[in-house]
N, C-alpha and C. Protein backbone atom coordinates (compact mmCIF):
# COMPACT_ATOMS: atom_id res chain seq x y z
N MET A 1 -20.84 -21.05 14.95
CA MET A 1 -19.40 -21.33 14.91
C MET A 1 -18.67 -20.21 15.65
N GLN A 2 -17.80 -20.59 16.55
CA GLN A 2 -17.05 -19.62 17.35
C GLN A 2 -15.73 -19.31 16.65
N GLN A 3 -15.41 -18.02 16.56
CA GLN A 3 -14.16 -17.63 15.92
C GLN A 3 -13.04 -17.63 16.94
N GLN A 4 -11.86 -18.02 16.48
CA GLN A 4 -10.69 -17.99 17.35
C GLN A 4 -10.20 -16.55 17.48
N LEU A 5 -9.68 -16.26 18.65
CA LEU A 5 -9.13 -14.92 18.87
C LEU A 5 -7.87 -14.71 18.04
N PHE A 6 -7.01 -15.72 17.99
CA PHE A 6 -5.78 -15.66 17.20
C PHE A 6 -5.77 -16.85 16.25
N PRO A 7 -6.40 -16.74 15.10
CA PRO A 7 -6.45 -17.86 14.17
C PRO A 7 -5.06 -18.31 13.77
N SER A 8 -4.92 -19.60 13.56
CA SER A 8 -3.61 -20.15 13.21
C SER A 8 -3.30 -19.97 11.73
N GLU A 9 -4.34 -19.75 10.91
CA GLU A 9 -4.10 -19.57 9.49
C GLU A 9 -3.56 -18.16 9.23
N PRO A 10 -2.53 -18.06 8.41
CA PRO A 10 -2.01 -16.72 8.10
C PRO A 10 -3.03 -15.94 7.28
N ASN A 11 -2.97 -14.64 7.41
CA ASN A 11 -3.86 -13.78 6.66
C ASN A 11 -3.39 -13.78 5.20
N PRO A 12 -4.24 -14.20 4.25
CA PRO A 12 -3.81 -14.26 2.85
C PRO A 12 -3.57 -12.89 2.23
N ILE A 13 -4.16 -11.86 2.79
CA ILE A 13 -4.01 -10.52 2.24
C ILE A 13 -3.61 -9.58 3.36
N PRO A 14 -2.37 -9.64 3.83
CA PRO A 14 -1.97 -8.83 4.97
C PRO A 14 -2.21 -7.35 4.73
N GLY A 15 -2.78 -6.69 5.74
CA GLY A 15 -2.98 -5.26 5.67
C GLY A 15 -4.24 -4.82 4.94
N LEU A 16 -4.88 -5.72 4.22
CA LEU A 16 -6.07 -5.34 3.47
C LEU A 16 -7.34 -5.95 4.05
N ALA A 17 -7.22 -7.11 4.65
CA ALA A 17 -8.38 -7.75 5.28
C ALA A 17 -7.89 -8.54 6.48
N ARG A 18 -8.67 -8.47 7.55
CA ARG A 18 -8.32 -9.21 8.76
C ARG A 18 -8.83 -10.64 8.66
N ASN A 19 -8.21 -11.54 9.41
CA ASN A 19 -8.67 -12.93 9.43
C ASN A 19 -10.13 -13.05 9.83
N THR A 20 -10.59 -12.14 10.65
CA THR A 20 -11.95 -12.19 11.15
C THR A 20 -12.96 -11.50 10.24
N ASP A 21 -12.50 -10.85 9.17
CA ASP A 21 -13.41 -10.16 8.25
C ASP A 21 -14.21 -11.18 7.44
N PRO A 22 -15.40 -10.78 7.02
CA PRO A 22 -16.21 -11.69 6.20
C PRO A 22 -15.56 -11.95 4.84
N GLU A 23 -16.02 -12.99 4.20
CA GLU A 23 -15.45 -13.40 2.91
C GLU A 23 -15.54 -12.27 1.87
N THR A 24 -16.59 -11.47 1.94
CA THR A 24 -16.74 -10.37 0.98
C THR A 24 -15.61 -9.36 1.12
N SER A 25 -15.12 -9.15 2.35
CA SER A 25 -13.99 -8.24 2.55
C SER A 25 -12.73 -8.80 1.92
N HIS A 26 -12.53 -10.10 2.04
CA HIS A 26 -11.36 -10.73 1.43
C HIS A 26 -11.45 -10.66 -0.10
N ASP A 27 -12.65 -10.87 -0.62
CA ASP A 27 -12.84 -10.76 -2.07
C ASP A 27 -12.51 -9.35 -2.56
N ALA A 28 -12.99 -8.36 -1.81
CA ALA A 28 -12.72 -6.96 -2.17
C ALA A 28 -11.23 -6.66 -2.09
N ALA A 29 -10.56 -7.16 -1.05
CA ALA A 29 -9.13 -6.92 -0.88
C ALA A 29 -8.33 -7.52 -2.03
N GLU A 30 -8.74 -8.68 -2.49
CA GLU A 30 -8.03 -9.32 -3.60
C GLU A 30 -8.18 -8.53 -4.89
N SER A 31 -9.25 -7.77 -5.02
CA SER A 31 -9.50 -7.04 -6.27
C SER A 31 -8.78 -5.69 -6.31
N ILE A 32 -8.15 -5.27 -5.21
CA ILE A 32 -7.49 -3.97 -5.15
C ILE A 32 -6.05 -4.06 -5.64
N ASP A 33 -5.69 -3.19 -6.54
CA ASP A 33 -4.30 -3.10 -7.00
C ASP A 33 -3.62 -2.04 -6.14
N THR A 34 -3.03 -2.47 -5.04
CA THR A 34 -2.45 -1.52 -4.09
C THR A 34 -1.28 -0.76 -4.69
N THR A 35 -0.52 -1.39 -5.57
CA THR A 35 0.61 -0.70 -6.18
C THR A 35 0.13 0.48 -7.02
N ALA A 36 -0.94 0.28 -7.77
CA ALA A 36 -1.48 1.38 -8.59
C ALA A 36 -2.00 2.50 -7.70
N LEU A 37 -2.67 2.14 -6.61
CA LEU A 37 -3.18 3.16 -5.69
C LEU A 37 -2.04 3.92 -5.01
N GLU A 38 -0.98 3.20 -4.64
CA GLU A 38 0.18 3.87 -4.05
C GLU A 38 0.78 4.85 -5.05
N ARG A 39 0.83 4.46 -6.28
CA ARG A 39 1.38 5.34 -7.33
C ARG A 39 0.55 6.61 -7.45
N ILE A 40 -0.76 6.46 -7.44
CA ILE A 40 -1.66 7.61 -7.55
C ILE A 40 -1.46 8.56 -6.38
N VAL A 41 -1.42 8.01 -5.17
CA VAL A 41 -1.24 8.83 -3.97
C VAL A 41 0.15 9.47 -3.98
N TYR A 42 1.17 8.71 -4.36
CA TYR A 42 2.53 9.24 -4.45
C TYR A 42 2.57 10.44 -5.40
N ASP A 43 1.93 10.29 -6.56
CA ASP A 43 1.94 11.37 -7.56
C ASP A 43 1.27 12.63 -7.03
N VAL A 44 0.24 12.48 -6.21
CA VAL A 44 -0.41 13.65 -5.62
C VAL A 44 0.51 14.30 -4.59
N ILE A 45 1.07 13.50 -3.70
CA ILE A 45 1.96 14.05 -2.66
C ILE A 45 3.15 14.76 -3.32
N LYS A 46 3.62 14.23 -4.43
CA LYS A 46 4.75 14.82 -5.14
C LYS A 46 4.45 16.23 -5.63
N GLN A 47 3.18 16.56 -5.82
CA GLN A 47 2.79 17.89 -6.30
C GLN A 47 2.93 18.97 -5.22
N PHE A 48 3.23 18.57 -3.99
CA PHE A 48 3.36 19.51 -2.87
C PHE A 48 4.81 19.53 -2.39
N PRO A 49 5.66 20.38 -2.98
CA PRO A 49 7.07 20.38 -2.60
C PRO A 49 7.32 20.72 -1.13
N ASN A 50 6.40 21.43 -0.50
CA ASN A 50 6.54 21.76 0.93
C ASN A 50 5.77 20.79 1.81
N GLY A 51 5.33 19.70 1.23
CA GLY A 51 4.59 18.70 1.98
C GLY A 51 3.09 18.96 1.97
N CYS A 52 2.34 17.95 2.36
CA CYS A 52 0.88 18.06 2.38
C CYS A 52 0.32 17.21 3.50
N ILE A 53 -0.95 17.43 3.80
CA ILE A 53 -1.65 16.61 4.78
C ILE A 53 -2.65 15.73 4.04
N GLY A 54 -3.22 14.79 4.75
CA GLY A 54 -4.19 13.88 4.15
C GLY A 54 -5.34 14.61 3.48
N ASP A 55 -5.81 15.70 4.08
CA ASP A 55 -6.90 16.48 3.48
C ASP A 55 -6.53 16.97 2.08
N ASP A 56 -5.28 17.35 1.88
CA ASP A 56 -4.83 17.82 0.56
C ASP A 56 -4.92 16.69 -0.47
N VAL A 57 -4.52 15.51 -0.06
CA VAL A 57 -4.54 14.35 -0.97
C VAL A 57 -5.98 13.99 -1.32
N VAL A 58 -6.83 13.92 -0.31
CA VAL A 58 -8.23 13.58 -0.53
C VAL A 58 -8.90 14.59 -1.46
N LYS A 59 -8.58 15.84 -1.28
CA LYS A 59 -9.16 16.90 -2.12
C LYS A 59 -8.76 16.73 -3.58
N MET A 60 -7.54 16.26 -3.81
CA MET A 60 -7.03 16.08 -5.17
C MET A 60 -7.55 14.79 -5.82
N LEU A 61 -8.10 13.90 -5.02
CA LEU A 61 -8.58 12.61 -5.54
C LEU A 61 -10.04 12.38 -5.17
N PRO A 62 -10.94 13.23 -5.67
CA PRO A 62 -12.35 13.10 -5.27
C PRO A 62 -13.01 11.80 -5.72
N GLN A 63 -12.41 11.13 -6.69
CA GLN A 63 -12.98 9.88 -7.19
C GLN A 63 -12.76 8.71 -6.23
N PHE A 64 -11.89 8.90 -5.23
CA PHE A 64 -11.61 7.86 -4.25
C PHE A 64 -12.09 8.31 -2.87
N GLY A 65 -12.50 7.38 -2.07
CA GLY A 65 -12.86 7.69 -0.69
C GLY A 65 -11.63 7.73 0.19
N ILE A 66 -11.78 8.37 1.33
CA ILE A 66 -10.66 8.44 2.27
C ILE A 66 -10.23 7.04 2.72
N GLN A 67 -11.17 6.10 2.75
CA GLN A 67 -10.85 4.73 3.16
C GLN A 67 -9.95 4.05 2.13
N THR A 68 -9.95 4.53 0.93
CA THR A 68 -9.08 3.98 -0.12
C THR A 68 -7.73 4.68 -0.10
N ILE A 69 -7.72 5.97 0.17
CA ILE A 69 -6.50 6.76 0.09
C ILE A 69 -5.60 6.62 1.32
N SER A 70 -6.17 6.79 2.50
CA SER A 70 -5.34 6.85 3.71
C SER A 70 -4.53 5.58 3.99
N PRO A 71 -4.99 4.38 3.62
CA PRO A 71 -4.13 3.21 3.86
C PRO A 71 -2.88 3.16 2.99
N ARG A 72 -2.76 4.05 2.03
CA ARG A 72 -1.57 4.06 1.15
C ARG A 72 -0.40 4.81 1.76
N TYR A 73 -0.65 5.66 2.76
CA TYR A 73 0.43 6.46 3.34
C TYR A 73 1.48 5.59 4.01
N ALA A 74 1.07 4.70 4.88
CA ALA A 74 2.03 3.89 5.65
C ALA A 74 2.96 3.07 4.74
N PRO A 75 2.44 2.38 3.72
CA PRO A 75 3.37 1.64 2.84
C PRO A 75 4.36 2.55 2.11
N LEU A 76 3.89 3.73 1.69
CA LEU A 76 4.79 4.66 1.02
C LEU A 76 5.88 5.15 1.97
N ILE A 77 5.52 5.37 3.21
CA ILE A 77 6.51 5.79 4.22
C ILE A 77 7.47 4.64 4.51
N ARG A 78 6.94 3.43 4.69
CA ARG A 78 7.80 2.25 4.96
C ARG A 78 8.80 2.01 3.82
N LYS A 79 8.35 2.22 2.59
CA LYS A 79 9.21 1.99 1.43
C LYS A 79 10.22 3.11 1.22
N GLY A 80 10.04 4.21 1.95
CA GLY A 80 11.00 5.30 1.86
C GLY A 80 10.74 6.28 0.75
N TRP A 81 9.58 6.23 0.13
CA TRP A 81 9.27 7.15 -0.96
C TRP A 81 8.58 8.41 -0.46
N VAL A 82 8.01 8.33 0.72
CA VAL A 82 7.35 9.47 1.36
C VAL A 82 7.84 9.51 2.80
N VAL A 83 7.97 10.71 3.35
CA VAL A 83 8.41 10.84 4.73
C VAL A 83 7.38 11.64 5.51
N ASP A 84 7.20 11.24 6.76
CA ASP A 84 6.42 12.04 7.71
C ASP A 84 7.41 13.07 8.23
N THR A 85 7.18 14.35 7.94
CA THR A 85 8.16 15.39 8.26
C THR A 85 8.24 15.70 9.75
N GLY A 86 7.26 15.22 10.51
CA GLY A 86 7.21 15.55 11.93
C GLY A 86 6.41 16.83 12.19
N GLU A 87 6.13 17.56 11.13
CA GLU A 87 5.34 18.79 11.22
C GLU A 87 3.86 18.42 11.24
N LYS A 88 3.05 19.28 11.82
CA LYS A 88 1.59 19.10 11.85
C LYS A 88 0.94 20.34 11.26
N ARG A 89 -0.17 20.13 10.56
CA ARG A 89 -0.97 21.24 10.04
C ARG A 89 -2.43 20.98 10.37
N GLN A 90 -3.17 22.05 10.46
CA GLN A 90 -4.58 21.92 10.81
C GLN A 90 -5.40 21.44 9.62
N ALA A 91 -6.21 20.41 9.85
CA ALA A 91 -7.09 19.86 8.83
C ALA A 91 -8.43 20.58 8.84
N ARG A 92 -9.27 20.26 7.87
CA ARG A 92 -10.60 20.85 7.81
C ARG A 92 -11.38 20.63 9.10
N SER A 93 -11.16 19.48 9.71
CA SER A 93 -11.88 19.12 10.93
C SER A 93 -11.46 19.96 12.13
N GLY A 94 -10.33 20.68 11.99
CA GLY A 94 -9.79 21.44 13.10
C GLY A 94 -8.70 20.69 13.85
N ARG A 95 -8.59 19.40 13.56
CA ARG A 95 -7.54 18.59 14.20
C ARG A 95 -6.25 18.68 13.41
N SER A 96 -5.18 18.28 14.05
CA SER A 96 -3.88 18.30 13.38
C SER A 96 -3.68 17.03 12.57
N GLN A 97 -3.03 17.18 11.44
CA GLN A 97 -2.64 16.03 10.61
C GLN A 97 -1.15 16.13 10.33
N ARG A 98 -0.53 14.98 10.18
CA ARG A 98 0.89 14.96 9.87
C ARG A 98 1.14 15.47 8.46
N VAL A 99 2.29 16.07 8.28
CA VAL A 99 2.70 16.55 6.97
C VAL A 99 3.59 15.49 6.33
N MET A 100 3.24 15.12 5.11
CA MET A 100 4.00 14.12 4.35
C MET A 100 4.65 14.79 3.16
N LYS A 101 5.79 14.25 2.79
CA LYS A 101 6.54 14.86 1.69
C LYS A 101 7.26 13.75 0.93
N VAL A 102 7.35 13.91 -0.39
CA VAL A 102 8.07 12.95 -1.22
C VAL A 102 9.56 13.15 -1.03
N ILE A 103 10.27 12.05 -0.89
CA ILE A 103 11.72 12.07 -0.88
C ILE A 103 12.21 11.09 -1.94
N LYS A 104 13.46 11.11 -2.21
CA LYS A 104 14.05 10.20 -3.19
C LYS A 104 13.37 10.32 -4.55
N LYS A 105 12.97 11.53 -4.91
CA LYS A 105 12.28 11.74 -6.18
C LYS A 105 13.10 11.23 -7.37
N GLU A 106 14.39 11.54 -7.36
CA GLU A 106 15.24 11.15 -8.48
C GLU A 106 15.36 9.63 -8.57
N GLU A 107 15.55 8.99 -7.42
CA GLU A 107 15.64 7.53 -7.40
C GLU A 107 14.37 6.90 -7.93
N TYR A 108 13.25 7.44 -7.51
CA TYR A 108 11.96 6.92 -7.95
C TYR A 108 11.87 6.99 -9.47
N GLU A 109 12.19 8.13 -10.03
CA GLU A 109 12.09 8.31 -11.47
C GLU A 109 13.03 7.36 -12.21
N GLN A 110 14.24 7.14 -11.67
CA GLN A 110 15.21 6.27 -12.33
C GLN A 110 14.82 4.80 -12.24
N GLN A 111 14.38 4.38 -11.07
CA GLN A 111 14.09 2.96 -10.87
C GLN A 111 12.71 2.55 -11.32
N ARG A 112 11.83 3.52 -11.48
CA ARG A 112 10.45 3.22 -11.85
C ARG A 112 9.88 2.14 -10.93
N LEU A 113 9.89 2.47 -9.66
CA LEU A 113 9.42 1.55 -8.63
C LEU A 113 8.04 1.02 -8.95
N PHE A 114 7.18 1.89 -9.45
CA PHE A 114 5.82 1.47 -9.76
C PHE A 114 5.73 1.22 -11.26
N PRO A 115 5.33 0.05 -11.67
CA PRO A 115 5.23 -0.24 -13.12
C PRO A 115 4.17 0.59 -13.79
């Protein structure tokens, strides 16, 4: 069976599994509670008032793999709860990583964005 380059069916789990991924990937994506993971990552970033890099977050969450943690940054930034400061810091690898920082802390606490 040949796969279409641009399938006409919408992706049932946007951002978590591609249309071309195997069924097992879609099953795994459906089992992930992204809101809970975002909350966990948010809470770690919040512990760094001067901002942090991905390495800092991963270090604080050894029970999760980087593949679980790093996809949470973009949604948190899009939602306005975390900001990319524009600053870069050196990671363990020697490469630069963006510095992220929690903003709207008071709003978050009042609205309880994450159940």
